[in-house]
Amino acid sequence: MTSSRDFEASVVVVTWNGRERLSESLPAIVGQENVRHEVILVDNGSTDGTAGWVRTEYPSVRVVELSENTGFAAGNNRGFEAARASLIATINNDAIPDPDWLASLVSAATAHPDAGMFASRMVYLHDPRVIDSAGISLDPLGIAWDRNAGTPSGDDADGEVFGASAGAALYRRELLEATSGFDERFFAYLEDVDLAWRARWLGWKARYVPAARVRHRHSATWAEDSPLKTYHLGRNKVWLIAKNYPLGPLLRWLPMILAYDAASLPVTVWRQRSLAAVRGRLAGLRRLPEIWRSRGHLAPSPNVPRRHATWSDLRAVMEPVRSPLAVWRRHRQLRRALGQ
């Protein structure tokens, strides 16, 4: 019987009707070099024959087949439950890793025992010269974005970041167990920011590993400005702030949070010709009492062996608040990089 000691890392791939994308990415994921690893594919109720195809073409891959689309967050949690290694990687089904991607992440985990999250250098599949994500950036307004997105690849260095984009990341099992993994209510989008924020409160750090490179087809499942993605981003941002902001700082920052959102919302509605952003925020507010009760991680607990972080610790790894114009320019840079 295979034990956890046989693997340095487990890799979880969540897919939903992504057989065509997997035909490009799975060979590279299975073929990772210089690292003992297992690959777990979580099939989220696909109707394109993904599960059977993977079992036939890649018998070494363990398939967890779900009866319905449970979302990116829940799908990864099912993969975490099946994983046997102490280091667990997540990677999108539309991401193609370099041969030494996983080995680079494992090496960083060995070198930095105080970190529990490791971010990859994600570059665009259509233009690998440009960064898609170099970890997660977050400011005190609860605005999260892919760090260095749209900037030239190769200009960035390793170091501490707020968190790791789950599109290509490595987590310690200890961190995932302490946080219970992704919040499945998020379904998709910002679940990795929420996980990073909760892990930060428990004293975990995050590192960016530029040697761990993957080529990524950005927003292949849901298009960048699709109503579904916009809805989930709007809803999940409300939950992200409600879950992770201490009450005192929240009261101080809330007027600016609301002002920024009020200024950006009409622009989003006008640009997309859709009320998805409004519907998402309303959906978030409707479940706010339930979400508010999920704030146990904000208080120190005798059951948590690590030093609990303070608001000052969190602020030290957040980005400064930018002007609305700077935020708009960042979004424009992303759309230009995507050819939109």
C-alpha atoms as a PDB file:
ATOM      1  CA  MET A   1       0.000   0.000   0.000  1.00  0.00           C
ATOM      2  CA  THR A   2       1.249   3.473  -0.880  1.00  0.00           C
ATOM      3  CA  SER A   3       1.857   5.747   2.115  1.00  0.00           C
ATOM      4  CA  SER A   4       2.315   9.480   2.499  1.00  0.00           C
ATOM      5  CA  ARG A   5       6.088   8.944   2.792  1.00  0.00           C
ATOM      6  CA  ASP A   6       6.179   7.815  -0.845  1.00  0.00           C
ATOM      7  CA  PHE A   7       5.231  11.306  -2.038  1.00  0.00           C
ATOM      8  CA  GLU A   8       6.844  14.667  -1.513  1.00  0.00           C
ATOM      9  CA  ALA A   9       3.704  16.400  -2.787  1.00  0.00           C
ATOM     10  CA  SER A  10       0.152  15.755  -3.916  1.00  0.00           C
ATOM     11  CA  VAL A  11      -1.243  17.775  -6.833  1.00  0.00           C
ATOM     12  CA  VAL A  12      -4.984  18.479  -6.968  1.00  0.00           C
ATOM     13  CA  VAL A  13      -6.608  19.418 -10.277  1.00  0.00           C
ATOM     14  CA  VAL A  14     -10.287  20.408 -10.256  1.00  0.00           C
ATOM     15  CA  THR A  15     -12.083  20.258 -13.580  1.00  0.00           C
ATOM     16  CA  TRP A  16     -15.537  20.788 -14.988  1.00  0.00           C
ATOM     17  CA  ASN A  17     -16.085  19.879 -18.645  1.00  0.00           C
ATOM     18  CA  GLY A  18     -12.417  20.610 -19.270  1.00  0.00           C
ATOM     19  CA  ARG A  19     -11.290  17.538 -21.179  1.00  0.00           C
ATOM     20  CA  GLU A  20      -9.898  19.613 -24.049  1.00  0.00           C
ATOM     21  CA  ARG A  21      -7.869  21.809 -21.696  1.00  0.00           C
ATOM     22  CA  LEU A  22      -6.662  18.768 -19.746  1.00  0.00           C
ATOM     23  CA  SER A  23      -5.276  17.245 -22.933  1.00  0.00           C
ATOM     24  CA  GLU A  24      -2.738  20.103 -22.866  1.00  0.00           C
ATOM     25  CA  SER A  25      -2.136  20.490 -19.139  1.00  0.00           C
ATOM     26  CA  LEU A  26      -2.323  16.975 -17.694  1.00  0.00           C
ATOM     27  CA  PRO A  27       0.765  15.569 -19.484  1.00  0.00           C
ATOM     28  CA  ALA A  28       2.843  18.386 -17.981  1.00  0.00           C
ATOM     29  CA  ILE A  29       1.336  17.905 -14.517  1.00  0.00           C
ATOM     30  CA  VAL A  30       1.864  14.136 -14.517  1.00  0.00           C
ATOM     31  CA  GLY A  31       5.351  14.530 -15.959  1.00  0.00           C
ATOM     32  CA  GLN A  32       6.811  16.782 -13.257  1.00  0.00           C
ATOM     33  CA  GLU A  33      10.518  16.109 -12.827  1.00  0.00           C
ATOM     34  CA  ASN A  34      12.785  15.681  -9.784  1.00  0.00           C
ATOM     35  CA  VAL A  35       9.913  15.274  -7.337  1.00  0.00           C
ATOM     36  CA  ARG A  36       7.909  12.280  -6.114  1.00  0.00           C
ATOM     37  CA  HIS A  37       4.288  13.260  -6.531  1.00  0.00           C
ATOM     38  CA  GLU A  38       0.778  11.974  -6.993  1.00  0.00           C
ATOM     39  CA  VAL A  39      -1.914  13.633  -9.112  1.00  0.00           C
ATOM     40  CA  ILE A  40      -5.546  13.747  -7.991  1.00  0.00           C
ATOM     41  CA  LEU A  41      -8.138  14.865 -10.499  1.00  0.00           C
ATOM     42  CA  VAL A  42     -11.472  16.005  -9.041  1.00  0.00           C
ATOM     43  CA  ASP A  43     -14.144  15.815 -11.736  1.00  0.00           C
ATOM     44  CA  ASN A  44     -16.899  18.259 -10.798  1.00  0.00           C
ATOM     45  CA  GLY A  45     -19.813  16.513 -12.488  1.00  0.00           C
ATOM     46  CA  SER A  46     -18.478  16.851 -16.040  1.00  0.00           C
ATOM     47  CA  THR A  47     -20.633  15.691 -18.944  1.00  0.00           C
ATOM     48  CA  ASP A  48     -17.822  15.523 -21.507  1.00  0.00           C
ATOM     49  CA  GLY A  49     -16.446  12.130 -20.470  1.00  0.00           C
ATOM     50  CA  THR A  50     -13.488  13.570 -18.570  1.00  0.00           C
ATOM     51  CA  ALA A  51     -13.360  10.963 -15.793  1.00  0.00           C
ATOM     52  CA  GLY A  52     -13.361   7.937 -18.099  1.00  0.00           C
ATOM     53  CA  TRP A  53     -10.856   9.535 -20.464  1.00  0.00           C
ATOM     54  CA  VAL A  54      -8.416  10.277 -17.624  1.00  0.00           C
ATOM     55  CA  ARG A  55      -8.726   6.769 -16.191  1.00  0.00           C
ATOM     56  CA  THR A  56      -7.900   5.321 -19.609  1.00  0.00           C
ATOM     57  CA  GLU A  57      -5.164   7.702 -20.736  1.00  0.00           C
ATOM     58  CA  TYR A  58      -3.553   8.431 -17.352  1.00  0.00           C
ATOM     59  CA  PRO A  59      -4.042   5.402 -15.089  1.00  0.00           C
ATOM     60  CA  SER A  60      -1.616   6.799 -12.499  1.00  0.00           C
ATOM     61  CA  VAL A  61      -3.955   9.731 -11.846  1.00  0.00           C
ATOM     62  CA  ARG A  62      -6.415   9.179  -9.010  1.00  0.00           C
ATOM     63  CA  VAL A  63      -9.885  10.369 -10.050  1.00  0.00           C
ATOM     64  CA  VAL A  64     -12.394  11.682  -7.531  1.00  0.00           C
ATOM     65  CA  GLU A  65     -15.682  11.794  -9.412  1.00  0.00           C
ATOM     66  CA  LEU A  66     -18.434  14.059  -8.071  1.00  0.00           C
ATOM     67  CA  SER A  67     -22.057  13.904  -9.160  1.00  0.00           C
ATOM     68  CA  GLU A  68     -22.476  17.653  -9.679  1.00  0.00           C
ATOM     69  CA  ASN A  69     -20.486  20.845 -10.071  1.00  0.00           C
ATOM     70  CA  THR A  70     -19.672  21.728  -6.461  1.00  0.00           C
ATOM     71  CA  GLY A  71     -17.398  24.633  -7.424  1.00  0.00           C
ATOM     72  CA  PHE A  72     -13.674  25.258  -7.318  1.00  0.00           C
ATOM     73  CA  ALA A  73     -13.568  25.613  -3.529  1.00  0.00           C
ATOM     74  CA  ALA A  74     -15.427  22.406  -2.637  1.00  0.00           C
ATOM     75  CA  GLY A  75     -13.764  20.468  -5.446  1.00  0.00           C
ATOM     76  CA  ASN A  76     -10.315  21.270  -4.097  1.00  0.00           C
ATOM     77  CA  ASN A  77     -11.392  20.369  -0.566  1.00  0.00           C
ATOM     78  CA  ARG A  78     -12.409  16.910  -1.801  1.00  0.00           C
ATOM     79  CA  GLY A  79      -8.966  16.638  -3.381  1.00  0.00           C
ATOM     80  CA  PHE A  80      -7.279  17.690  -0.135  1.00  0.00           C
ATOM     81  CA  GLU A  81      -9.145  14.904   1.672  1.00  0.00           C
ATOM     82  CA  ALA A  82      -7.834  12.352  -0.825  1.00  0.00           C
ATOM     83  CA  ALA A  83      -4.238  13.679  -0.854  1.00  0.00           C
ATOM     84  CA  ARG A  84      -1.578  11.625   0.913  1.00  0.00           C
ATOM     85  CA  ALA A  85       1.393  14.001   1.081  1.00  0.00           C
ATOM     86  CA  SER A  86       2.152  16.702   3.645  1.00  0.00           C
ATOM     87  CA  LEU A  87       2.542  19.276   0.851  1.00  0.00           C
ATOM     88  CA  ILE A  88      -0.479  19.764  -1.415  1.00  0.00           C
ATOM     89  CA  ALA A  89      -0.467  21.735  -4.659  1.00  0.00           C
ATOM     90  CA  THR A  90      -3.425  23.148  -6.542  1.00  0.00           C
ATOM     91  CA  ILE A  91      -3.341  23.898 -10.240  1.00  0.00           C
ATOM     92  CA  ASN A  92      -6.021  24.943 -12.713  1.00  0.00           C
ATOM     93  CA  ASN A  93      -6.974  22.598 -15.524  1.00  0.00           C
ATOM     94  CA  ASP A  94      -5.967  25.351 -17.979  1.00  0.00           C
ATOM     95  CA  ALA A  95      -2.457  25.825 -16.539  1.00  0.00           C
ATOM     96  CA  ILE A  96       0.579  24.143 -18.075  1.00  0.00           C
ATOM     97  CA  PRO A  97       3.516  23.905 -15.637  1.00  0.00           C
ATOM     98  CA  ASP A  98       7.184  23.873 -16.528  1.00  0.00           C
ATOM     99  CA  PRO A  99       8.844  20.479 -15.821  1.00  0.00           C
ATOM    100  CA  ASP A 100      10.413  21.722 -12.558  1.00  0.00           C
ATOM    101  CA  TRP A 101       7.374  23.710 -11.320  1.00  0.00           C
ATOM    102  CA  LEU A 102       6.499  21.388  -8.459  1.00  0.00           C
ATOM    103  CA  ALA A 103      10.103  20.672  -7.473  1.00  0.00           C
ATOM    104  CA  SER A 104      10.712  24.428  -7.171  1.00  0.00           C
ATOM    105  CA  LEU A 105       7.721  24.811  -4.862  1.00  0.00           C
ATOM    106  CA  VAL A 106       8.766  21.856  -2.712  1.00  0.00           C
ATOM    107  CA  SER A 107      12.297  23.256  -2.469  1.00  0.00           C
ATOM    108  CA  ALA A 108      10.898  26.606  -1.302  1.00  0.00           C
ATOM    109  CA  ALA A 109       8.757  24.853   1.318  1.00  0.00           C
ATOM    110  CA  THR A 110      11.884  23.133   2.640  1.00  0.00           C
ATOM    111  CA  ALA A 111      13.802  26.401   2.743  1.00  0.00           C
ATOM    112  CA  HIS A 112      11.039  28.415   4.440  1.00  0.00           C
ATOM    113  CA  PRO A 113       9.418  26.379   7.239  1.00  0.00           C
ATOM    114  CA  ASP A 114       7.613  29.460   8.589  1.00  0.00           C
ATOM    115  CA  ALA A 115       5.611  29.786   5.360  1.00  0.00           C
ATOM    116  CA  GLY A 116       2.543  27.673   4.622  1.00  0.00           C
ATOM    117  CA  MET A 117       1.560  29.044   1.198  1.00  0.00           C
ATOM    118  CA  PHE A 118       3.762  29.229  -1.907  1.00  0.00           C
ATOM    119  CA  ALA A 119       2.796  31.182  -5.002  1.00  0.00           C
ATOM    120  CA  SER A 120       3.882  30.309  -8.536  1.00  0.00           C
ATOM    121  CA  ARG A 121       4.937  32.603 -11.350  1.00  0.00           C
ATOM    122  CA  MET A 122       1.886  32.381 -13.607  1.00  0.00           C
ATOM    123  CA  VAL A 123       2.353  33.812 -17.085  1.00  0.00           C
ATOM    124  CA  TYR A 124      -0.123  34.119 -19.926  1.00  0.00           C
ATOM    125  CA  LEU A 125      -0.366  31.140 -22.216  1.00  0.00           C
ATOM    126  CA  HIS A 126      -0.834  33.415 -25.228  1.00  0.00           C
ATOM    127  CA  ASP A 127       2.140  35.595 -24.218  1.00  0.00           C
ATOM    128  CA  PRO A 128       4.560  34.003 -21.697  1.00  0.00           C
ATOM    129  CA  ARG A 129       6.521  37.254 -21.546  1.00  0.00           C
ATOM    130  CA  VAL A 130       3.747  38.767 -19.396  1.00  0.00           C
ATOM    131  CA  ILE A 131       2.837  37.829 -15.817  1.00  0.00           C
ATOM    132  CA  ASP A 132      -0.684  36.705 -15.029  1.00  0.00           C
ATOM    133  CA  SER A 133      -0.109  36.335 -11.280  1.00  0.00           C
ATOM    134  CA  ALA A 134       2.829  36.505  -8.900  1.00  0.00           C
ATOM    135  CA  GLY A 135       0.804  35.845  -5.785  1.00  0.00           C
ATOM    136  CA  ILE A 136      -2.082  37.698  -4.183  1.00  0.00           C
ATOM    137  CA  SER A 137      -2.099  41.405  -3.369  1.00  0.00           C
ATOM    138  CA  LEU A 138      -4.659  42.853  -0.962  1.00  0.00           C
ATOM    139  CA  ASP A 139      -5.243  46.382   0.300  1.00  0.00           C
ATOM    140  CA  PRO A 140      -7.114  47.573   3.425  1.00  0.00           C
ATOM    141  CA  LEU A 141     -10.247  48.195   1.337  1.00  0.00           C
ATOM    142  CA  GLY A 142     -10.573  44.467   0.737  1.00  0.00           C
ATOM    143  CA  ILE A 143      -9.596  44.887  -2.925  1.00  0.00           C
ATOM    144  CA  ALA A 144      -7.616  41.834  -4.035  1.00  0.00           C
ATOM    145  CA  TRP A 145      -5.780  41.357  -7.298  1.00  0.00           C
ATOM    146  CA  ASP A 146      -3.151  39.223  -8.976  1.00  0.00           C
ATOM    147  CA  ARG A 147       0.184  40.689  -7.990  1.00  0.00           C
ATOM    148  CA  ASN A 148       2.272  42.080 -10.893  1.00  0.00           C
ATOM    149  CA  ALA A 149      -0.405  41.097 -13.434  1.00  0.00           C
ATOM    150  CA  GLY A 150       0.349  42.539 -16.856  1.00  0.00           C
ATOM    151  CA  THR A 151       4.010  43.291 -16.099  1.00  0.00           C
ATOM    152  CA  PRO A 152       7.005  41.741 -17.890  1.00  0.00           C
ATOM    153  CA  SER A 153       7.978  38.277 -16.679  1.00  0.00           C
ATOM    154  CA  GLY A 154      11.489  38.118 -15.302  1.00  0.00           C
ATOM    155  CA  ASP A 155      11.389  41.496 -13.566  1.00  0.00           C
ATOM    156  CA  ASP A 156      10.182  40.010 -10.287  1.00  0.00           C
ATOM    157  CA  ALA A 157      12.091  38.407  -7.414  1.00  0.00           C
ATOM    158  CA  ASP A 158      11.171  35.885  -4.760  1.00  0.00           C
ATOM    159  CA  GLY A 159       9.981  37.071  -1.379  1.00  0.00           C
ATOM    160  CA  GLU A 160       7.036  37.347   0.974  1.00  0.00           C
ATOM    161  CA  VAL A 161       3.571  38.034  -0.451  1.00  0.00           C
ATOM    162  CA  PHE A 162       0.127  38.224   1.126  1.00  0.00           C
ATOM    163  CA  GLY A 163      -1.003  34.889  -0.300  1.00  0.00           C
ATOM    164  CA  ALA A 164      -0.901  32.450  -3.199  1.00  0.00           C
ATOM    165  CA  SER A 165      -3.252  32.273  -6.153  1.00  0.00           C
ATOM    166  CA  ALA A 166      -4.798  28.802  -6.059  1.00  0.00           C
ATOM    167  CA  GLY A 167      -4.499  28.629  -9.831  1.00  0.00           C
ATOM    168  CA  ALA A 168      -0.990  27.269  -9.150  1.00  0.00           C
ATOM    169  CA  ALA A 169       0.007  27.084  -5.503  1.00  0.00           C
ATOM    170  CA  LEU A 170       1.478  24.851  -2.810  1.00  0.00           C
ATOM    171  CA  TYR A 171       0.050  24.550   0.709  1.00  0.00           C
ATOM    172  CA  ARG A 172       1.169  22.728   3.816  1.00  0.00           C
ATOM    173  CA  ARG A 173      -1.340  20.140   4.977  1.00  0.00           C
ATOM    174  CA  GLU A 174      -1.033  21.577   8.495  1.00  0.00           C
ATOM    175  CA  LEU A 175      -2.305  24.943   7.221  1.00  0.00           C
ATOM    176  CA  LEU A 176      -5.200  23.362   5.340  1.00  0.00           C
ATOM    177  CA  GLU A 177      -6.238  21.357   8.385  1.00  0.00           C
ATOM    178  CA  ALA A 178      -6.032  24.392  10.680  1.00  0.00           C
ATOM    179  CA  THR A 179      -8.191  26.498   8.322  1.00  0.00           C
ATOM    180  CA  SER A 180     -10.487  23.679   7.073  1.00  0.00           C
ATOM    181  CA  GLY A 181      -9.389  24.534   3.539  1.00  0.00           C
ATOM    182  CA  PHE A 182     -11.408  26.713   1.195  1.00  0.00           C
ATOM    183  CA  ASP A 183     -14.766  28.115   2.281  1.00  0.00           C
ATOM    184  CA  GLU A 184     -17.137  26.133   0.058  1.00  0.00           C
ATOM    185  CA  ARG A 185     -19.787  28.854   0.220  1.00  0.00           C
ATOM    186  CA  PHE A 186     -17.575  30.969  -2.053  1.00  0.00           C
ATOM    187  CA  PHE A 187     -18.000  28.362  -4.839  1.00  0.00           C
ATOM    188  CA  ALA A 188     -15.426  30.109  -7.048  1.00  0.00           C
ATOM    189  CA  TYR A 189     -13.314  33.294  -6.948  1.00  0.00           C
ATOM    190  CA  LEU A 190     -11.649  34.950  -3.945  1.00  0.00           C
ATOM    191  CA  GLU A 191     -11.701  31.656  -2.043  1.00  0.00           C
ATOM    192  CA  ASP A 192      -7.889  31.680  -2.176  1.00  0.00           C
ATOM    193  CA  VAL A 193      -7.785  35.248  -0.821  1.00  0.00           C
ATOM    194  CA  ASP A 194     -10.087  34.226   2.021  1.00  0.00           C
ATOM    195  CA  LEU A 195      -7.908  31.202   2.786  1.00  0.00           C
ATOM    196  CA  ALA A 196      -4.760  33.333   2.732  1.00  0.00           C
ATOM    197  CA  TRP A 197      -6.319  35.944   5.036  1.00  0.00           C
ATOM    198  CA  ARG A 198      -7.514  33.308   7.515  1.00  0.00           C
ATOM    199  CA  ALA A 199      -4.130  31.557   7.435  1.00  0.00           C
ATOM    200  CA  ARG A 200      -2.404  34.892   8.026  1.00  0.00           C
ATOM    201  CA  TRP A 201      -4.470  35.397  11.179  1.00  0.00           C
ATOM    202  CA  LEU A 202      -3.198  32.014  12.383  1.00  0.00           C
ATOM    203  CA  GLY A 203       0.406  33.117  11.922  1.00  0.00           C
ATOM    204  CA  TRP A 204       1.228  31.546   8.551  1.00  0.00           C
ATOM    205  CA  LYS A 205       3.302  33.392   5.943  1.00  0.00           C
ATOM    206  CA  ALA A 206       3.319  33.164   2.159  1.00  0.00           C
ATOM    207  CA  ARG A 207       6.217  33.146  -0.302  1.00  0.00           C
ATOM    208  CA  TYR A 208       6.456  33.867  -3.996  1.00  0.00           C
ATOM    209  CA  VAL A 209       8.559  31.345  -5.945  1.00  0.00           C
ATOM    210  CA  PRO A 210       9.383  32.768  -9.410  1.00  0.00           C
ATOM    211  CA  ALA A 211      11.224  29.589 -10.414  1.00  0.00           C
ATOM    212  CA  ALA A 212       7.872  27.753 -10.249  1.00  0.00           C
ATOM    213  CA  ARG A 213       6.478  28.838 -13.622  1.00  0.00           C
ATOM    214  CA  VAL A 214       3.201  27.883 -15.265  1.00  0.00           C
ATOM    215  CA  ARG A 215       1.570  29.114 -18.461  1.00  0.00           C
ATOM    216  CA  HIS A 216      -2.072  29.948 -17.834  1.00  0.00           C
ATOM    217  CA  ARG A 217      -5.064  30.511 -20.090  1.00  0.00           C
ATOM    218  CA  HIS A 218      -6.664  33.301 -18.060  1.00  0.00           C
ATOM    219  CA  SER A 219     -10.411  32.933 -17.307  1.00  0.00           C
ATOM    220  CA  ALA A 220     -10.851  29.938 -19.590  1.00  0.00           C
ATOM    221  CA  THR A 221     -13.853  28.614 -17.650  1.00  0.00           C
ATOM    222  CA  TRP A 222     -15.714  31.889 -17.103  1.00  0.00           C
ATOM    223  CA  ALA A 223     -14.664  34.873 -19.247  1.00  0.00           C
ATOM    224  CA  GLU A 224     -13.091  37.885 -17.528  1.00  0.00           C
ATOM    225  CA  ASP A 225     -16.216  40.076 -17.650  1.00  0.00           C
ATOM    226  CA  SER A 226     -18.842  37.347 -17.768  1.00  0.00           C
ATOM    227  CA  PRO A 227     -21.959  37.886 -15.614  1.00  0.00           C
ATOM    228  CA  LEU A 228     -21.242  34.689 -13.642  1.00  0.00           C
ATOM    229  CA  LYS A 229     -17.721  35.738 -12.722  1.00  0.00           C
ATOM    230  CA  THR A 230     -18.805  39.297 -11.926  1.00  0.00           C
ATOM    231  CA  TYR A 231     -21.644  38.014  -9.721  1.00  0.00           C
ATOM    232  CA  HIS A 232     -19.383  35.707  -7.709  1.00  0.00           C
ATOM    233  CA  LEU A 233     -16.690  38.368  -7.324  1.00  0.00           C
ATOM    234  CA  GLY A 234     -19.267  40.868  -6.044  1.00  0.00           C
ATOM    235  CA  ARG A 235     -20.843  38.440  -3.606  1.00  0.00           C
ATOM    236  CA  ASN A 236     -17.584  36.957  -2.366  1.00  0.00           C
ATOM    237  CA  LYS A 237     -15.967  40.353  -1.774  1.00  0.00           C
ATOM    238  CA  VAL A 238     -18.727  41.160   0.737  1.00  0.00           C
ATOM    239  CA  TRP A 239     -18.074  37.865   2.508  1.00  0.00           C
ATOM    240  CA  LEU A 240     -14.294  38.267   2.350  1.00  0.00           C
ATOM    241  CA  ILE A 241     -14.417  41.559   4.248  1.00  0.00           C
ATOM    242  CA  ALA A 242     -17.099  40.411   6.694  1.00  0.00           C
ATOM    243  CA  LYS A 243     -15.175  37.249   7.600  1.00  0.00           C
ATOM    244  CA  ASN A 244     -11.690  38.632   7.978  1.00  0.00           C
ATOM    245  CA  TYR A 245     -11.797  42.247   9.174  1.00  0.00           C
ATOM    246  CA  PRO A 246     -11.506  42.875  12.942  1.00  0.00           C
ATOM    247  CA  LEU A 247     -14.348  45.034  14.174  1.00  0.00           C
ATOM    248  CA  GLY A 248     -12.301  48.069  15.214  1.00  0.00           C
ATOM    249  CA  PRO A 249     -10.337  48.459  11.962  1.00  0.00           C
ATOM    250  CA  LEU A 250     -13.473  47.591   9.980  1.00  0.00           C
ATOM    251  CA  LEU A 251     -15.371  50.497  11.501  1.00  0.00           C
ATOM    252  CA  ARG A 252     -12.472  52.827  10.678  1.00  0.00           C
ATOM    253  CA  TRP A 253     -12.113  51.651   7.089  1.00  0.00           C
ATOM    254  CA  LEU A 254     -15.766  50.978   6.254  1.00  0.00           C
ATOM    255  CA  PRO A 255     -16.600  54.508   5.007  1.00  0.00           C
ATOM    256  CA  MET A 256     -13.777  54.331   2.457  1.00  0.00           C
ATOM    257  CA  ILE A 257     -14.647  50.724   1.532  1.00  0.00           C
ATOM    258  CA  LEU A 258     -18.226  51.775   0.791  1.00  0.00           C
ATOM    259  CA  ALA A 259     -17.134  54.928  -1.037  1.00  0.00           C
ATOM    260  CA  TYR A 260     -14.800  53.021  -3.356  1.00  0.00           C
ATOM    261  CA  ASP A 261     -17.432  50.410  -4.046  1.00  0.00           C
ATOM    262  CA  ALA A 262     -20.109  53.022  -4.718  1.00  0.00           C
ATOM    263  CA  ALA A 263     -17.775  54.736  -7.184  1.00  0.00           C
ATOM    264  CA  SER A 264     -16.762  51.558  -9.013  1.00  0.00           C
ATOM    265  CA  LEU A 265     -20.154  49.864  -9.214  1.00  0.00           C
ATOM    266  CA  PRO A 266     -21.784  52.203 -11.787  1.00  0.00           C
ATOM    267  CA  VAL A 267     -18.687  51.940 -13.976  1.00  0.00           C
ATOM    268  CA  THR A 268     -18.822  48.137 -13.878  1.00  0.00           C
ATOM    269  CA  VAL A 269     -22.547  48.084 -14.658  1.00  0.00           C
ATOM    270  CA  TRP A 270     -22.106  50.518 -17.550  1.00  0.00           C
ATOM    271  CA  ARG A 271     -19.086  48.733 -19.012  1.00  0.00           C
ATOM    272  CA  GLN A 272     -20.611  45.250 -18.817  1.00  0.00           C
ATOM    273  CA  ARG A 273     -24.203  46.312 -19.600  1.00  0.00           C
ATOM    274  CA  SER A 274     -25.230  43.959 -16.797  1.00  0.00           C
ATOM    275  CA  LEU A 275     -26.498  44.144 -13.207  1.00  0.00           C
ATOM    276  CA  ALA A 276     -24.480  41.073 -12.205  1.00  0.00           C
ATOM    277  CA  ALA A 277     -22.243  43.139  -9.916  1.00  0.00           C
ATOM    278  CA  VAL A 278     -25.284  44.543  -8.102  1.00  0.00           C
ATOM    279  CA  ARG A 279     -26.927  41.135  -7.787  1.00  0.00           C
ATOM    280  CA  GLY A 280     -23.719  39.692  -6.389  1.00  0.00           C
ATOM    281  CA  ARG A 281     -23.446  42.298  -3.660  1.00  0.00           C
ATOM    282  CA  LEU A 282     -27.103  41.887  -2.720  1.00  0.00           C
ATOM    283  CA  ALA A 283     -26.613  38.110  -2.497  1.00  0.00           C
ATOM    284  CA  GLY A 284     -23.631  38.694  -0.240  1.00  0.00           C
ATOM    285  CA  LEU A 285     -25.610  40.986   2.054  1.00  0.00           C
ATOM    286  CA  ARG A 286     -28.513  38.540   2.326  1.00  0.00           C
ATOM    287  CA  ARG A 287     -26.253  35.942   3.964  1.00  0.00           C
ATOM    288  CA  LEU A 288     -24.230  38.432   5.975  1.00  0.00           C
ATOM    289  CA  PRO A 289     -25.443  37.262   9.430  1.00  0.00           C
ATOM    290  CA  GLU A 290     -24.376  33.690   8.594  1.00  0.00           C
ATOM    291  CA  ILE A 291     -21.008  34.845   7.270  1.00  0.00           C
ATOM    292  CA  TRP A 292     -20.457  37.101  10.273  1.00  0.00           C
ATOM    293  CA  ARG A 293     -20.664  34.079  12.539  1.00  0.00           C
ATOM    294  CA  SER A 294     -17.645  32.582  10.669  1.00  0.00           C
ATOM    295  CA  ARG A 295     -15.176  34.908  12.380  1.00  0.00           C
ATOM    296  CA  GLY A 296     -13.724  32.564  14.997  1.00  0.00           C
ATOM    297  CA  HIS A 297     -10.268  32.736  13.421  1.00  0.00           C
ATOM    298  CA  LEU A 298     -10.007  36.456  14.293  1.00  0.00           C
ATOM    299  CA  ALA A 299      -9.600  35.729  18.004  1.00  0.00           C
ATOM    300  CA  PRO A 300      -6.616  33.917  19.555  1.00  0.00           C
ATOM    301  CA  SER A 301      -7.450  30.391  20.639  1.00  0.00           C
ATOM    302  CA  PRO A 302      -5.648  27.939  22.937  1.00  0.00           C
ATOM    303  CA  ASN A 303      -6.312  25.284  20.281  1.00  0.00           C
ATOM    304  CA  VAL A 304      -4.101  27.120  17.758  1.00  0.00           C
ATOM    305  CA  PRO A 305      -0.432  26.257  18.379  1.00  0.00           C
ATOM    306  CA  ARG A 306       0.925  29.141  16.289  1.00  0.00           C
ATOM    307  CA  ARG A 307       1.197  32.771  17.396  1.00  0.00           C
ATOM    308  CA  HIS A 308      -1.968  34.595  16.449  1.00  0.00           C
ATOM    309  CA  ALA A 309      -1.312  37.596  14.216  1.00  0.00           C
ATOM    310  CA  THR A 310      -2.328  41.169  15.008  1.00  0.00           C
ATOM    311  CA  TRP A 311      -3.913  43.770  12.765  1.00  0.00           C
ATOM    312  CA  SER A 312      -0.488  45.463  12.552  1.00  0.00           C
ATOM    313  CA  ASP A 313       1.003  42.190  11.266  1.00  0.00           C
ATOM    314  CA  LEU A 314      -1.654  42.005   8.559  1.00  0.00           C
ATOM    315  CA  ARG A 315      -1.323  45.650   7.560  1.00  0.00           C
ATOM    316  CA  ALA A 316       2.430  45.164   7.103  1.00  0.00           C
ATOM    317  CA  VAL A 317       1.825  42.711   4.233  1.00  0.00           C
ATOM    318  CA  MET A 318      -1.064  44.608   2.627  1.00  0.00           C
ATOM    319  CA  GLU A 319      -0.631  46.971  -0.290  1.00  0.00           C
ATOM    320  CA  PRO A 320      -1.231  50.709   0.185  1.00  0.00           C
ATOM    321  CA  VAL A 321      -4.591  52.091  -0.883  1.00  0.00           C
ATOM    322  CA  ARG A 322      -4.418  53.431  -4.420  1.00  0.00           C
ATOM    323  CA  SER A 323      -6.512  56.180  -5.955  1.00  0.00           C
ATOM    324  CA  PRO A 324      -9.601  55.122  -7.950  1.00  0.00           C
ATOM    325  CA  LEU A 325      -7.731  56.187 -11.091  1.00  0.00           C
ATOM    326  CA  ALA A 326      -4.830  53.866 -10.271  1.00  0.00           C
ATOM    327  CA  VAL A 327      -7.258  50.974  -9.696  1.00  0.00           C
ATOM    328  CA  TRP A 328      -8.942  51.718 -13.035  1.00  0.00           C
ATOM    329  CA  ARG A 329      -5.527  51.767 -14.761  1.00  0.00           C
ATOM    330  CA  ARG A 330      -4.684  48.392 -13.214  1.00  0.00           C
ATOM    331  CA  HIS A 331      -7.885  46.897 -14.630  1.00  0.00           C
ATOM    332  CA  ARG A 332      -7.196  48.486 -18.008  1.00  0.00           C
ATOM    333  CA  GLN A 333      -3.688  47.003 -18.020  1.00  0.00           C
ATOM    334  CA  LEU A 334      -5.166  43.569 -17.376  1.00  0.00           C
ATOM    335  CA  ARG A 335      -7.707  43.887 -20.180  1.00  0.00           C
ATOM    336  CA  ARG A 336      -5.002  45.051 -22.576  1.00  0.00           C
ATOM    337  CA  ALA A 337      -2.808  42.102 -21.639  1.00  0.00           C
ATOM    338  CA  LEU A 338      -5.760  39.843 -22.422  1.00  0.00           C
ATOM    339  CA  GLY A 339      -6.401  41.605 -25.726  1.00  0.00           C
ATOM    340  CA  GLN A 340      -9.780  42.967 -24.607  1.00  0.00           C
END
